[in-house]
C-alpha atoms as a PDB file:
ATOM      1  CA  MET A   1      13.491 -88.380 -54.943  1.00  0.00           C
ATOM      2  CA  GLN A   2      12.010 -85.225 -56.315  1.00  0.00           C
ATOM      3  CA  ASP A   3       8.903 -85.691 -54.216  1.00  0.00           C
ATOM      4  CA  PHE A   4      11.076 -86.112 -51.113  1.00  0.00           C
ATOM      5  CA  LEU A   5      12.950 -82.886 -51.766  1.00  0.00           C
ATOM      6  CA  SER A   6       9.732 -81.078 -52.361  1.00  0.00           C
ATOM      7  CA  THR A   7       8.248 -82.375 -49.086  1.00  0.00           C
ATOM      8  CA  THR A   8      11.411 -81.453 -47.187  1.00  0.00           C
ATOM      9  CA  THR A   9      11.376 -77.933 -48.577  1.00  0.00           C
ATOM     10  CA  CYS A  10       7.765 -77.488 -47.531  1.00  0.00           C
ATOM     11  CA  LEU A  11       8.518 -78.722 -44.039  1.00  0.00           C
ATOM     12  CA  ILE A  12      11.490 -76.413 -43.686  1.00  0.00           C
ATOM     13  CA  GLY A  13       9.449 -73.492 -44.943  1.00  0.00           C
ATOM     14  CA  GLY A  14       6.673 -74.309 -42.509  1.00  0.00           C
ATOM     15  CA  VAL A  15       9.123 -74.516 -39.615  1.00  0.00           C
ATOM     16  CA  ILE A  16      10.665 -71.193 -40.568  1.00  0.00           C
ATOM     17  CA  LEU A  17       7.204 -69.626 -40.822  1.00  0.00           C
ATOM     18  CA  LEU A  18       6.241 -71.034 -37.430  1.00  0.00           C
ATOM     19  CA  LEU A  19       9.519 -69.759 -35.997  1.00  0.00           C
ATOM     20  CA  ILE A  20       8.871 -66.284 -37.377  1.00  0.00           C
ATOM     21  CA  ILE A  21       5.327 -66.283 -35.953  1.00  0.00           C
ATOM     22  CA  PHE A  22       6.712 -67.503 -32.642  1.00  0.00           C
ATOM     23  CA  LEU A  23       9.337 -64.770 -32.495  1.00  0.00           C
ATOM     24  CA  VAL A  24       6.841 -62.075 -33.487  1.00  0.00           C
ATOM     25  CA  ASN A  25       4.520 -63.136 -30.669  1.00  0.00           C
ATOM     26  CA  ALA A  26       7.282 -63.826 -28.176  1.00  0.00           C
ATOM     27  CA  ILE A  27       9.446 -60.711 -28.507  1.00  0.00           C
ATOM     28  CA  LYS A  28       7.989 -57.343 -27.440  1.00  0.00           C
ATOM     29  CA  ILE A  29       9.792 -54.006 -27.203  1.00  0.00           C
ATOM     30  CA  VAL A  30       8.269 -51.741 -24.579  1.00  0.00           C
ATOM     31  CA  PRO A  31       9.061 -47.955 -24.591  1.00  0.00           C
ATOM     32  CA  GLU A  32       9.999 -46.133 -21.403  1.00  0.00           C
ATOM     33  CA  TYR A  33       6.546 -44.557 -21.073  1.00  0.00           C
ATOM     34  CA  GLN A  34       4.621 -47.843 -21.387  1.00  0.00           C
ATOM     35  CA  ARG A  35       4.181 -51.056 -19.443  1.00  0.00           C
ATOM     36  CA  LEU A  36       2.887 -54.474 -20.406  1.00  0.00           C
ATOM     37  CA  VAL A  37       0.426 -56.121 -18.033  1.00  0.00           C
ATOM     38  CA  VAL A  38       1.032 -59.854 -18.729  1.00  0.00           C
ATOM     39  CA  PHE A  39      -1.595 -62.564 -18.288  1.00  0.00           C
ATOM     40  CA  ARG A  40      -0.358 -66.188 -18.373  1.00  0.00           C
ATOM     41  CA  LEU A  41      -3.152 -68.624 -18.947  1.00  0.00           C
ATOM     42  CA  GLY A  42      -5.561 -65.961 -17.674  1.00  0.00           C
ATOM     43  CA  ARG A  43      -3.623 -65.186 -14.485  1.00  0.00           C
ATOM     44  CA  CYS A  44      -1.970 -61.761 -14.112  1.00  0.00           C
ATOM     45  CA  ILE A  45       1.746 -62.142 -13.490  1.00  0.00           C
ATOM     46  CA  GLY A  46       2.414 -58.378 -13.192  1.00  0.00           C
ATOM     47  CA  ALA A  47       3.679 -55.511 -15.296  1.00  0.00           C
ATOM     48  CA  ARG A  48       6.736 -55.844 -17.545  1.00  0.00           C
ATOM     49  CA  GLY A  49       8.965 -53.245 -19.138  1.00  0.00           C
ATOM     50  CA  PRO A  50      10.498 -51.103 -20.340  1.00  0.00           C
ATOM     51  CA  GLY A  51      12.871 -52.728 -22.816  1.00  0.00           C
ATOM     52  CA  LEU A  52      12.903 -56.152 -24.483  1.00  0.00           C
ATOM     53  CA  ILE A  53      10.208 -58.509 -23.139  1.00  0.00           C
ATOM     54  CA  LEU A  54       9.896 -62.215 -24.002  1.00  0.00           C
ATOM     55  CA  LEU A  55       6.438 -63.789 -23.931  1.00  0.00           C
ATOM     56  CA  ILE A  56       5.285 -67.355 -24.438  1.00  0.00           C
ATOM     57  CA  PRO A  57       3.163 -67.351 -27.592  1.00  0.00           C
ATOM     58  CA  PHE A  58      -0.420 -68.560 -27.202  1.00  0.00           C
ATOM     59  CA  VAL A  59       0.163 -68.752 -23.427  1.00  0.00           C
ATOM     60  CA  ASP A  60       0.904 -65.157 -22.442  1.00  0.00           C
ATOM     61  CA  LYS A  61      -1.322 -62.244 -23.313  1.00  0.00           C
ATOM     62  CA  ALA A  62      -0.148 -58.633 -22.821  1.00  0.00           C
ATOM     63  CA  VAL A  63      -2.067 -55.380 -22.402  1.00  0.00           C
ATOM     64  CA  ARG A  64      -0.235 -52.114 -23.041  1.00  0.00           C
ATOM     65  CA  VAL A  65      -0.733 -49.287 -20.562  1.00  0.00           C
ATOM     66  CA  ASP A  66       0.467 -45.716 -21.194  1.00  0.00           C
ATOM     67  CA  LEU A  67       2.063 -44.072 -18.130  1.00  0.00           C
ATOM     68  CA  ARG A  68       2.213 -40.546 -19.554  1.00  0.00           C
ATOM     69  CA  GLU A  69      -0.058 -37.759 -18.363  1.00  0.00           C
ATOM     70  CA  LEU A  70      -2.981 -37.646 -20.752  1.00  0.00           C
ATOM     71  CA  VAL A  71      -5.840 -35.201 -21.320  1.00  0.00           C
ATOM     72  CA  ARG A  72      -9.412 -35.910 -22.293  1.00  0.00           C
ATOM     73  CA  GLU A  73     -12.279 -33.580 -23.134  1.00  0.00           C
ATOM     74  CA  ILE A  74     -15.650 -33.831 -21.452  1.00  0.00           C
ATOM     75  CA  PRO A  75     -18.337 -32.757 -23.948  1.00  0.00           C
ATOM     76  CA  THR A  76     -20.627 -29.852 -23.116  1.00  0.00           C
ATOM     77  CA  GLN A  77     -22.948 -30.717 -20.248  1.00  0.00           C
ATOM     78  CA  THR A  78     -26.069 -28.842 -19.192  1.00  0.00           C
ATOM     79  CA  SER A  79     -26.354 -28.450 -15.420  1.00  0.00           C
ATOM     80  CA  ILE A  80     -28.812 -26.702 -13.107  1.00  0.00           C
ATOM     81  CA  THR A  81     -27.412 -24.274 -10.550  1.00  0.00           C
ATOM     82  CA  LEU A  82     -28.641 -23.859  -6.993  1.00  0.00           C
ATOM     83  CA  ASP A  83     -30.904 -20.975  -8.087  1.00  0.00           C
ATOM     84  CA  ASN A  84     -32.421 -23.133 -10.901  1.00  0.00           C
ATOM     85  CA  ALA A  85     -30.559 -21.532 -13.806  1.00  0.00           C
ATOM     86  CA  PRO A  86     -29.543 -23.877 -16.664  1.00  0.00           C
ATOM     87  CA  ILE A  87     -25.911 -23.531 -17.667  1.00  0.00           C
ATOM     88  CA  SER A  88     -23.697 -25.331 -20.210  1.00  0.00           C
ATOM     89  CA  ILE A  89     -20.151 -26.301 -19.224  1.00  0.00           C
ATOM     90  CA  ASP A  90     -17.371 -28.250 -20.891  1.00  0.00           C
ATOM     91  CA  PHE A  91     -14.007 -28.992 -19.334  1.00  0.00           C
ATOM     92  CA  LEU A  92     -10.762 -30.918 -19.689  1.00  0.00           C
ATOM     93  CA  TRP A  93      -9.395 -33.439 -17.226  1.00  0.00           C
ATOM     94  CA  TYR A  94      -5.789 -34.570 -16.963  1.00  0.00           C
ATOM     95  CA  PHE A  95      -4.852 -37.969 -15.573  1.00  0.00           C
ATOM     96  CA  LYS A  96      -1.891 -40.275 -15.186  1.00  0.00           C
ATOM     97  CA  VAL A  97      -1.703 -44.043 -14.535  1.00  0.00           C
ATOM     98  CA  PHE A  98       0.448 -44.806 -11.510  1.00  0.00           C
ATOM     99  CA  ASP A  99      -0.542 -48.494 -11.153  1.00  0.00           C
ATOM    100  CA  PRO A 100      -0.822 -50.217 -14.557  1.00  0.00           C
ATOM    101  CA  VAL A 101      -2.031 -53.521 -13.061  1.00  0.00           C
ATOM    102  CA  GLN A 102      -4.949 -51.901 -11.217  1.00  0.00           C
ATOM    103  CA  SER A 103      -5.883 -49.816 -14.256  1.00  0.00           C
ATOM    104  CA  VAL A 104      -6.422 -53.093 -16.155  1.00  0.00           C
ATOM    105  CA  LEU A 105      -7.841 -55.318 -13.408  1.00  0.00           C
ATOM    106  CA  ALA A 106     -10.042 -52.887 -11.458  1.00  0.00           C
ATOM    107  CA  VAL A 107     -12.066 -51.399 -14.331  1.00  0.00           C
ATOM    108  CA  GLY A 108     -12.928 -52.369 -17.867  1.00  0.00           C
ATOM    109  CA  SER A 109     -12.126 -48.952 -19.392  1.00  0.00           C
ATOM    110  CA  PHE A 110     -11.097 -46.382 -16.829  1.00  0.00           C
ATOM    111  CA  GLU A 111     -11.321 -43.523 -19.370  1.00  0.00           C
ATOM    112  CA  ALA A 112     -14.993 -44.217 -20.153  1.00  0.00           C
ATOM    113  CA  ALA A 113     -15.726 -44.809 -16.474  1.00  0.00           C
ATOM    114  CA  ALA A 114     -13.938 -41.586 -15.479  1.00  0.00           C
ATOM    115  CA  GLN A 115     -15.862 -39.628 -18.113  1.00  0.00           C
ATOM    116  CA  GLY A 116     -19.162 -40.899 -16.707  1.00  0.00           C
ATOM    117  CA  ILE A 117     -18.062 -40.022 -13.180  1.00  0.00           C
ATOM    118  CA  ALA A 118     -16.942 -36.566 -14.368  1.00  0.00           C
ATOM    119  CA  THR A 119     -20.336 -35.712 -15.890  1.00  0.00           C
ATOM    120  CA  THR A 120     -22.289 -36.782 -12.811  1.00  0.00           C
ATOM    121  CA  THR A 121     -19.800 -35.053 -10.510  1.00  0.00           C
ATOM    122  CA  LEU A 122     -20.074 -31.860 -12.546  1.00  0.00           C
ATOM    123  CA  ARG A 123     -23.853 -31.802 -12.158  1.00  0.00           C
ATOM    124  CA  ALA A 124     -23.533 -32.442  -8.424  1.00  0.00           C
ATOM    125  CA  VAL A 125     -20.992 -29.666  -7.939  1.00  0.00           C
ATOM    126  CA  ILE A 126     -22.865 -27.104 -10.071  1.00  0.00           C
ATOM    127  CA  GLY A 127     -26.151 -28.003  -8.371  1.00  0.00           C
ATOM    128  CA  GLY A 128     -24.773 -26.727  -5.061  1.00  0.00           C
ATOM    129  CA  ILE A 129     -23.527 -23.346  -6.350  1.00  0.00           C
ATOM    130  CA  LEU A 130     -25.378 -20.168  -7.310  1.00  0.00           C
ATOM    131  CA  LEU A 131     -25.137 -18.896 -10.875  1.00  0.00           C
ATOM    132  CA  ASP A 132     -23.056 -15.849  -9.910  1.00  0.00           C
ATOM    133  CA  ASP A 133     -20.629 -18.087  -8.029  1.00  0.00           C
ATOM    134  CA  VAL A 134     -20.340 -20.430 -11.021  1.00  0.00           C
ATOM    135  CA  LEU A 135     -19.276 -17.494 -13.181  1.00  0.00           C
ATOM    136  CA  SER A 136     -16.902 -15.975 -10.652  1.00  0.00           C
ATOM    137  CA  GLN A 137     -15.488 -19.004  -8.794  1.00  0.00           C
ATOM    138  CA  ARG A 138     -14.178 -21.134 -11.628  1.00  0.00           C
ATOM    139  CA  GLU A 139     -11.055 -22.158  -9.701  1.00  0.00           C
ATOM    140  CA  ARG A 140     -13.151 -23.404  -6.799  1.00  0.00           C
ATOM    141  CA  ILE A 141     -15.174 -25.595  -9.191  1.00  0.00           C
ATOM    142  CA  ASN A 142     -11.961 -26.930 -10.764  1.00  0.00           C
ATOM    143  CA  VAL A 143     -10.597 -27.948  -7.374  1.00  0.00           C
ATOM    144  CA  SER A 144     -13.887 -29.541  -6.311  1.00  0.00           C
ATOM    145  CA  LEU A 145     -14.137 -31.583  -9.533  1.00  0.00           C
ATOM    146  CA  ARG A 146     -10.526 -32.719  -9.327  1.00  0.00           C
ATOM    147  CA  THR A 147     -10.905 -33.799  -5.701  1.00  0.00           C
ATOM    148  CA  ARG A 148     -14.056 -35.815  -6.312  1.00  0.00           C
ATOM    149  CA  LEU A 149     -12.737 -37.448  -9.485  1.00  0.00           C
ATOM    150  CA  ASP A 150      -9.460 -38.322  -7.815  1.00  0.00           C
ATOM    151  CA  GLU A 151     -11.290 -40.028  -4.941  1.00  0.00           C
ATOM    152  CA  VAL A 152     -13.032 -42.346  -7.428  1.00  0.00           C
ATOM    153  CA  THR A 153     -10.182 -43.021  -9.862  1.00  0.00           C
ATOM    154  CA  GLU A 154      -7.551 -43.635  -7.189  1.00  0.00           C
ATOM    155  CA  ARG A 155      -8.804 -47.201  -6.649  1.00  0.00           C
ATOM    156  CA  TRP A 156      -8.289 -47.805 -10.389  1.00  0.00           C
ATOM    157  CA  GLY A 157      -4.617 -46.856 -10.169  1.00  0.00           C
ATOM    158  CA  VAL A 158      -5.244 -43.538 -11.910  1.00  0.00           C
ATOM    159  CA  LYS A 159      -4.360 -40.098 -10.557  1.00  0.00           C
ATOM    160  CA  VAL A 160      -6.401 -37.071 -11.712  1.00  0.00           C
ATOM    161  CA  THR A 161      -3.791 -34.317 -11.840  1.00  0.00           C
ATOM    162  CA  ASN A 162      -5.888 -31.366 -12.958  1.00  0.00           C
ATOM    163  CA  VAL A 163      -9.335 -30.245 -14.109  1.00  0.00           C
ATOM    164  CA  GLU A 164      -9.837 -27.087 -16.159  1.00  0.00           C
ATOM    165  CA  ILE A 165     -13.225 -25.638 -17.102  1.00  0.00           C
ATOM    166  CA  ARG A 166     -12.893 -24.434 -20.670  1.00  0.00           C
ATOM    167  CA  GLU A 167     -16.166 -22.631 -21.294  1.00  0.00           C
ATOM    168  CA  ILE A 168     -19.252 -21.659 -19.309  1.00  0.00           C
ATOM    169  CA  SER A 169     -22.313 -20.634 -21.329  1.00  0.00           C
ATOM    170  CA  PRO A 170     -25.206 -19.157 -19.321  1.00  0.00           C
ATOM    171  CA  PRO A 171     -28.695 -18.743 -20.896  1.00  0.00           C
ATOM    172  CA  ARG A 172     -29.328 -15.935 -23.372  1.00  0.00           C
ATOM    173  CA  GLU A 173     -31.391 -13.840 -20.975  1.00  0.00           C
ATOM    174  CA  VAL A 174     -28.699 -14.203 -18.319  1.00  0.00           C
ATOM    175  CA  GLN A 175     -26.069 -13.057 -20.789  1.00  0.00           C
ATOM    176  CA  ASP A 176     -28.183 -10.005 -21.684  1.00  0.00           C
ATOM    177  CA  ALA A 177     -28.616  -9.161 -18.005  1.00  0.00           C
ATOM    178  CA  MET A 178     -24.880  -9.561 -17.436  1.00  0.00           C
ATOM    179  CA  ASN A 179     -24.135  -7.269 -20.376  1.00  0.00           C
ATOM    180  CA  ARG A 180     -26.479  -4.607 -19.008  1.00  0.00           C
ATOM    181  CA  GLN A 181     -24.929  -4.953 -15.572  1.00  0.00           C
ATOM    182  CA  LEU A 182     -21.438  -4.696 -17.048  1.00  0.00           C
ATOM    183  CA  LYS A 183     -22.407  -1.583 -19.013  1.00  0.00           C
ATOM    184  CA  ALA A 184     -23.908   0.032 -15.919  1.00  0.00           C
ATOM    185  CA  GLU A 185     -20.801  -0.809 -13.916  1.00  0.00           C
ATOM    186  CA  ARG A 186     -18.560   0.715 -16.565  1.00  0.00           C
ATOM    187  CA  GLU A 187     -20.658   3.886 -16.657  1.00  0.00           C
ATOM    188  CA  ARG A 188     -20.531   4.090 -12.868  1.00  0.00           C
ATOM    189  CA  ARG A 189     -16.763   3.718 -12.898  1.00  0.00           C
ATOM    190  CA  ALA A 190     -16.485   6.376 -15.605  1.00  0.00           C
ATOM    191  CA  ILE A 191     -18.578   8.804 -13.550  1.00  0.00           C
ATOM    192  CA  VAL A 192     -16.602   8.047 -10.400  1.00  0.00           C
ATOM    193  CA  THR A 193     -13.331   8.473 -12.271  1.00  0.00           C
ATOM    194  CA  GLU A 194     -14.467  11.761 -13.789  1.00  0.00           C
ATOM    195  CA  SER A 195     -15.675  13.121 -10.441  1.00  0.00           C
ATOM    196  CA  THR A 196     -12.455  12.001  -8.789  1.00  0.00           C
ATOM    197  CA  GLY A 197     -10.457  13.750 -11.500  1.00  0.00           C
ATOM    198  CA  THR A 198     -12.507  16.931 -11.096  1.00  0.00           C
ATOM    199  CA  ARG A 199     -12.066  16.855  -7.328  1.00  0.00           C
ATOM    200  CA  GLU A 200      -8.337  16.301  -7.595  1.00  0.00           C
ATOM    201  CA  ALA A 201      -8.078  19.076 -10.186  1.00  0.00           C
ATOM    202  CA  ALA A 202      -9.948  21.459  -7.869  1.00  0.00           C
ATOM    203  CA  ILE A 203      -7.705  20.445  -4.987  1.00  0.00           C
ATOM    204  CA  ASN A 204      -4.624  21.002  -7.121  1.00  0.00           C
ATOM    205  CA  VAL A 205      -5.880  24.428  -8.251  1.00  0.00           C
ATOM    206  CA  ALA A 206      -6.695  25.436  -4.666  1.00  0.00           C
ATOM    207  CA  GLU A 207      -3.338  24.164  -3.490  1.00  0.00           C
ATOM    208  CA  GLY A 208      -1.625  26.100  -6.266  1.00  0.00           C
ATOM    209  CA  GLU A 209      -3.504  29.288  -5.376  1.00  0.00           C
ATOM    210  CA  LYS A 210      -2.647  28.809  -1.724  1.00  0.00           C
ATOM    211  CA  GLN A 211       1.015  28.341  -2.522  1.00  0.00           C
ATOM    212  CA  ALA A 212       0.911  31.366  -4.835  1.00  0.00           C
ATOM    213  CA  ALA A 213      -0.713  33.484  -2.102  1.00  0.00           C
ATOM    214  CA  ILE A 214       1.902  32.319   0.383  1.00  0.00           C
ATOM    215  CA  LEU A 215       4.675  33.178  -2.040  1.00  0.00           C
ATOM    216  CA  ARG A 216       3.129  36.596  -2.779  1.00  0.00           C
ATOM    217  CA  SER A 217       2.768  37.398   0.923  1.00  0.00           C
ATOM    218  CA  GLU A 218       6.294  36.189   1.542  1.00  0.00           C
ATOM    219  CA  GLY A 219       7.512  38.366  -1.314  1.00  0.00           C
ATOM    220  CA  LEU A 220       5.633  41.400   0.041  1.00  0.00           C
ATOM    221  CA  ARG A 221       7.032  40.755   3.513  1.00  0.00           C
ATOM    222  CA  GLN A 222      10.559  40.497   2.194  1.00  0.00           C
ATOM    223  CA  SER A 223      10.001  43.627   0.087  1.00  0.00           C
ATOM    224  CA  SER A 224       8.656  45.527   3.103  1.00  0.00           C
ATOM    225  CA  ILE A 225      11.598  44.376   5.175  1.00  0.00           C
ATOM    226  CA  LEU A 226      14.024  45.528   2.488  1.00  0.00           C
ATOM    227  CA  VAL A 227      12.244  48.907   2.127  1.00  0.00           C
ATOM    228  CA  ALA A 228      12.223  49.426   5.892  1.00  0.00           C
ATOM    229  CA  GLU A 229      15.848  48.407   6.084  1.00  0.00           C
ATOM    230  CA  GLY A 230      16.684  50.860   3.294  1.00  0.00           C
ATOM    231  CA  GLU A 231      14.802  53.676   5.010  1.00  0.00           C
ATOM    232  CA  ARG A 232      16.492  52.909   8.306  1.00  0.00           C
ATOM    233  CA  GLN A 233      19.909  52.964   6.701  1.00  0.00           C
ATOM    234  CA  ALA A 234      18.985  56.206   4.883  1.00  0.00           C
ATOM    235  CA  GLN A 235      17.862  57.821   8.139  1.00  0.00           C
ATOM    236  CA  VAL A 236      21.037  56.656   9.838  1.00  0.00           C
ATOM    237  CA  LEU A 237      23.083  58.141   7.026  1.00  0.00           C
ATOM    238  CA  ARG A 238      21.104  61.404   7.157  1.00  0.00           C
ATOM    239  CA  ALA A 239      21.492  61.560  10.923  1.00  0.00           C
ATOM    240  CA  GLU A 240      25.198  60.912  10.587  1.00  0.00           C
ATOM    241  CA  GLY A 241      25.347  63.661   7.941  1.00  0.00           C
ATOM    242  CA  TYR A 242      23.492  66.094  10.203  1.00  0.00           C
ATOM    243  CA  ALA A 243      25.745  65.168  13.074  1.00  0.00           C
ATOM    244  CA  ASP A 244      28.864  65.706  10.991  1.00  0.00           C
ATOM    245  CA  ALA A 245      27.440  69.034   9.720  1.00  0.00           C
ATOM    246  CA  LEU A 246      26.596  70.216  13.226  1.00  0.00           C
ATOM    247  CA  ALA A 247      30.017  69.169  14.446  1.00  0.00           C
ATOM    248  CA  GLU A 248      31.628  71.118  11.634  1.00  0.00           C
ATOM    249  CA  ILE A 249      29.404  74.142  12.346  1.00  0.00           C
ATOM    250  CA  PHE A 250      30.204  73.923  16.038  1.00  0.00           C
ATOM    251  CA  LYS A 251      33.888  73.643  15.261  1.00  0.00           C
ATOM    252  CA  THR A 252      33.717  76.670  12.968  1.00  0.00           C
ATOM    253  CA  ALA A 253      31.541  78.644  15.401  1.00  0.00           C
ATOM    254  CA  LYS A 254      34.138  78.321  18.138  1.00  0.00           C
ATOM    255  CA  GLY A 255      36.590  80.328  16.016  1.00  0.00           C
ATOM    256  CA  ILE A 256      34.169  83.183  15.285  1.00  0.00           C
ATOM    257  CA  ASP A 257      34.464  86.324  17.501  1.00  0.00           C
ATOM    258  CA  SER A 258      31.640  88.635  18.573  1.00  0.00           C
ATOM    259  CA  GLN A 259      32.334  91.217  15.814  1.00  0.00           C
ATOM    260  CA  THR A 260      31.823  88.608  13.156  1.00  0.00           C
ATOM    261  CA  MET A 261      28.526  87.636  14.742  1.00  0.00           C
ATOM    262  CA  THR A 262      27.527  91.307  14.888  1.00  0.00           C
ATOM    263  CA  LEU A 263      28.332  91.720  11.221  1.00  0.00           C
ATOM    264  CA  GLN A 264      26.195  88.698  10.452  1.00  0.00           C
ATOM    265  CA  TYR A 265      23.340  90.347  12.369  1.00  0.00           C
ATOM    266  CA  PHE A 266      23.809  93.548  10.376  1.00  0.00           C
ATOM    267  CA  ASP A 267      23.812  91.650   7.124  1.00  0.00           C
ATOM    268  CA  THR A 268      20.609  89.929   8.156  1.00  0.00           C
ATOM    269  CA  LEU A 269      19.063  93.313   9.030  1.00  0.00           C
ATOM    270  CA  ARG A 270      20.097  94.645   5.659  1.00  0.00           C
ATOM    271  CA  LYS A 271      18.331  91.792   3.913  1.00  0.00           C
ATOM    272  CA  MET A 272      15.261  92.383   6.101  1.00  0.00           C
ATOM    273  CA  ALA A 273      15.239  96.043   5.079  1.00  0.00           C
ATOM    274  CA  ASP A 274      15.144  95.027   1.442  1.00  0.00           C
ATOM    275  CA  SER A 275      11.999  93.020   2.175  1.00  0.00           C
ATOM    276  CA  PRO A 276       8.603  94.712   1.353  1.00  0.00           C
ATOM    277  CA  SER A 277       7.439  93.879   4.863  1.00  0.00           C
ATOM    278  CA  THR A 278       6.526  96.829   7.109  1.00  0.00           C
ATOM    279  CA  LYS A 279       7.280  95.049  10.358  1.00  0.00           C
ATOM    280  CA  TYR A 280      10.789  94.544  11.711  1.00  0.00           C
ATOM    281  CA  ILE A 281      11.790  92.231  14.460  1.00  0.00           C
ATOM    282  CA  PHE A 282      14.973  92.907  16.456  1.00  0.00           C
ATOM    283  CA  PRO A 283      16.327  90.372  18.811  1.00  0.00           C
ATOM    284  CA  MET A 284      16.825  91.446  22.453  1.00  0.00           C
ATOM    285  CA  GLU A 285      20.548  90.888  22.171  1.00  0.00           C
ATOM    286  CA  PHE A 286      20.833  93.461  19.365  1.00  0.00           C
ATOM    287  CA  THR A 287      21.580  96.455  21.628  1.00  0.00           C
ATOM    288  CA  SER A 288      24.189  94.575  23.579  1.00  0.00           C
ATOM    289  CA  LEU A 289      25.827  93.335  20.377  1.00  0.00           C
ATOM    290  CA  LEU A 290      25.747  96.874  18.987  1.00  0.00           C
ATOM    291  CA  GLY A 291      27.352  98.283  22.141  1.00  0.00           C
ATOM    292  CA  ASP A 292      30.133  95.695  22.069  1.00  0.00           C
ATOM    293  CA  PHE A 293      30.759  96.388  18.407  1.00  0.00           C
ATOM    294  CA  LEU A 294      31.061 100.159  18.942  1.00  0.00           C
ATOM    295  CA  LYS A 295      33.377  99.670  21.868  1.00  0.00           C
ATOM    296  CA  LYS A 296      35.697  97.472  19.788  1.00  0.00           C
ATOM    297  CA  ARG A 297      35.620  99.997  16.953  1.00  0.00           C
ATOM    298  CA  GLU A 298      36.686 102.824  19.314  1.00  0.00           C
ATOM    299  CA  GLN A 299      39.552 100.784  20.549  1.00  0.00           C
END
């Protein structure tokens, strides 16, 4: 009886162990970003997932495929440019699986295959470009590499989304020549900038002097106009004063009789007599004025 219980316990334990192994191999949980490519007895029955997937143990075999965009580094490669200059380049390539079944069935390891294609494509692309263009047209090389890689990997169910050259290392002598060229270019720009600044400064000074001369001439013109205007107004005022004086004299002279005029003549003659001069000038009207004066005195 004890042997029977012992045998039964062993059998139950074995069944439970087999059941656990069965469940472990039968139940698969697939994340959203993965798919399971299922092979049943060696025949592909398609991709499964995401979520809970049930497989037949020892009958079904699953291969996990990541659908996220991934990045891989291509190690430094030495290529020869069109003008026979050796150059070292390393770059990154980004890819994404859009057909998990093809990525498993069409190629053994699409990452290794794509890396081999990338290195040969890089040499082909660089071999058709001059060294100066390699250094200055990095974006063009990126686009060319991505296009050629995508043409190859598309049949594997893989899409190359981007290619980025990370570093380009020309030979030492080329780097020295580039440094000398860069230094010369900087010196040229400095000289051009300095000469441009000097020219603009001279132009600004000349423009300032011109404006100053214009302002001075304008000031002199305005000053001359004001002086002339002042003189004109002064002359007008003097003329008006003379006119008023003459009018007043004329008005006063109309009230003076001939005797008063004769007395004025006599007073003038008296002052002339006081003069040390030995010559005397008598107006022609003197005798007539004297006669009129004597007549009026007799009356």
